[in-house]
């Protein structure tokens, strides 16, 4: 019950400035130690299709930015949709700064999702598998 209230509140937060928002993708991923904490277990993507507006929020964005950030749609066809976003100013345990690029692909037929995260200029990427549920407003 508490989780549903949080998701409704998060939907309102993500789309507070978007009057006619349509969908919230709630994506959950398996945690993999090899990813070093750079792949979140949950990602929330708000989507308004008529203007291709995307807003993304997850625990890493909360930590480094503090609020939802804009994303973009890289691919949208009958089989899949791929969202891309960047987090600037991330810092690892060795105090190295990096810009992280994330790509999340949702397969419409199976509702499965895959996500990669790449610290630009470093070896990688990190990868994770999971699934998404779509909540309509």
Protein backbone atom coordinates (compact mmCIF):
# COMPACT_ATOMS: atom_id res chain seq x y z
CA UNK A 1 0.00 0.00 0.00
CA UNK A 2 2.78 2.45 0.92
CA UNK A 3 4.58 1.68 -2.36
CA UNK A 4 1.52 2.64 -4.41
CA UNK A 5 1.33 6.00 -2.63
CA UNK A 6 5.01 6.62 -3.27
CA UNK A 7 4.57 5.83 -6.97
CA UNK A 8 1.56 8.14 -7.28
CA UNK A 9 3.52 10.86 -5.49
CA UNK A 10 6.52 10.24 -7.73
CA UNK A 11 4.30 10.47 -10.81
CA UNK A 12 3.08 13.86 -9.59
CA UNK A 13 6.68 14.94 -8.91
CA UNK A 14 7.92 13.84 -12.31
CA UNK A 15 5.06 15.50 -14.14
CA UNK A 16 4.41 18.49 -11.92
CA UNK A 17 5.24 20.86 -14.77
CA UNK A 18 3.79 18.75 -17.57
CA UNK A 19 0.04 19.27 -17.73
CA UNK A 20 -0.88 16.28 -19.91
CA UNK A 21 1.67 13.61 -19.00
CA UNK A 22 0.73 10.13 -20.12
CA UNK A 23 2.85 7.29 -18.76
CA UNK A 24 5.24 6.34 -16.00
CA UNK A 25 7.61 3.43 -16.65
CA UNK A 26 8.49 1.75 -13.35
CA UNK A 27 11.51 -0.44 -14.09
CA UNK A 28 13.19 -2.87 -11.73
CA UNK A 29 16.59 -4.42 -12.38
CA UNK A 30 18.66 -7.19 -10.86
CA UNK A 31 21.51 -5.91 -8.70
CA UNK A 32 24.90 -7.15 -9.90
CA UNK A 33 27.96 -6.59 -7.68
CA UNK A 34 30.22 -6.26 -10.72
CA UNK A 35 28.38 -3.04 -11.61
CA UNK A 36 29.91 -1.37 -8.55
CA UNK A 37 26.68 0.41 -7.62
CA UNK A 38 26.46 2.29 -10.93
CA UNK A 39 23.30 0.52 -12.09
CA UNK A 40 20.20 1.41 -10.07
CA UNK A 41 17.76 -1.30 -9.00
CA UNK A 42 14.78 0.94 -9.87
CA UNK A 43 14.33 3.56 -12.57
CA UNK A 44 11.27 5.77 -13.11
CA UNK A 45 10.75 7.27 -16.56
CA UNK A 46 7.93 9.69 -17.23
CA UNK A 47 6.89 10.02 -20.85
CA UNK A 48 4.71 12.44 -22.76
CA UNK A 49 4.52 11.11 -26.33
CA UNK A 50 2.93 13.97 -28.23
CA UNK A 51 5.99 16.16 -27.57
CA UNK A 52 8.55 13.38 -26.96
CA UNK A 53 9.21 14.71 -23.46
CA UNK A 54 11.03 12.36 -21.08
CA UNK A 55 11.89 12.76 -17.39
CA UNK A 56 14.05 10.22 -15.52
CA UNK A 57 14.56 9.59 -11.80
CA UNK A 58 16.45 6.89 -9.88
CA UNK A 59 18.60 6.64 -6.72
CA UNK A 60 21.78 7.76 -8.54
CA UNK A 61 20.03 10.83 -9.95
CA UNK A 62 18.67 11.56 -6.47
CA UNK A 63 22.20 11.33 -5.00
CA UNK A 64 24.12 13.31 -7.65
CA UNK A 65 21.45 15.75 -8.91
CA UNK A 66 18.69 15.75 -6.32
CA UNK A 67 15.72 15.91 -8.71
CA UNK A 68 14.43 14.28 -11.91
CA UNK A 69 16.42 15.04 -15.06
CA UNK A 70 15.48 15.22 -18.75
CA UNK A 71 16.06 12.27 -21.02
CA UNK A 72 15.35 11.53 -24.65
CA UNK A 73 13.91 8.82 -26.83
CA UNK A 74 16.57 7.22 -29.03
CA UNK A 75 14.36 4.57 -30.62
CA UNK A 76 10.59 4.05 -30.69
CA UNK A 77 9.11 1.40 -32.93
CA UNK A 78 6.44 -1.32 -32.57
CA UNK A 79 8.89 -3.68 -30.82
CA UNK A 80 10.83 -1.44 -28.44
CA UNK A 81 11.47 1.98 -27.00
CA UNK A 82 14.91 3.15 -25.89
CA UNK A 83 15.47 6.04 -23.52
CA UNK A 84 18.82 7.79 -23.03
CA UNK A 85 19.98 10.20 -20.32
CA UNK A 86 23.19 11.58 -18.83
CA UNK A 87 24.27 12.27 -15.25
CA UNK A 88 26.98 14.92 -15.02
CA UNK A 89 29.41 15.22 -12.13
CA UNK A 90 29.46 11.66 -10.82
CA UNK A 91 32.42 10.82 -8.57
CA UNK A 92 33.68 7.32 -7.79
CA UNK A 93 35.48 6.04 -4.69
CA UNK A 94 38.85 7.02 -6.22
CA UNK A 95 37.56 10.61 -6.58
CA UNK A 96 37.45 10.37 -10.38
CA UNK A 97 34.83 12.55 -12.04
CA UNK A 98 32.82 11.22 -14.97
CA UNK A 99 29.76 11.89 -17.05
CA UNK A 100 27.57 8.79 -17.07
CA UNK A 101 25.46 7.84 -20.08
CA UNK A 102 22.52 5.50 -19.52
CA UNK A 103 20.38 3.66 -22.08
CA UNK A 104 17.26 1.73 -21.13
CA UNK A 105 15.52 -0.41 -23.74
CA UNK A 106 12.00 -1.66 -23.03
CA UNK A 107 10.70 -4.53 -25.18
CA UNK A 108 6.98 -3.90 -25.64
CA UNK A 109 5.99 -7.51 -26.29
CA UNK A 110 7.71 -9.10 -23.29
CA UNK A 111 7.81 -6.07 -20.93
CA UNK A 112 11.46 -6.92 -20.31
CA UNK A 113 14.11 -4.23 -20.08
CA UNK A 114 17.85 -3.95 -20.44
CA UNK A 115 19.96 -1.04 -19.29
CA UNK A 116 23.56 -0.03 -19.82
CA UNK A 117 25.58 2.62 -18.06
CA UNK A 118 28.84 3.97 -19.42
CA UNK A 119 31.27 6.36 -17.74
CA UNK A 120 32.33 8.37 -20.78
CA UNK A 121 36.09 8.11 -21.33
CA UNK A 122 36.41 4.95 -19.20
CA UNK A 123 36.17 1.22 -19.85
CA UNK A 124 32.75 -0.34 -19.61
CA UNK A 125 29.81 -0.48 -19.93
CA UNK A 126 27.88 -1.73 -16.93
CA UNK A 127 24.75 -3.74 -17.77
CA UNK A 128 21.59 -4.91 -16.07
CA UNK A 129 18.44 -6.87 -16.96
CA UNK A 130 14.95 -6.43 -15.60
CA UNK A 131 11.35 -5.55 -16.42
CA UNK A 132 9.10 -2.50 -16.50
CA UNK A 133 5.46 -1.88 -15.65
CA UNK A 134 3.71 1.05 -17.31
CA UNK A 135 1.33 3.15 -15.25
CA UNK A 136 -1.02 5.38 -17.22
CA UNK A 137 -2.21 8.66 -15.79
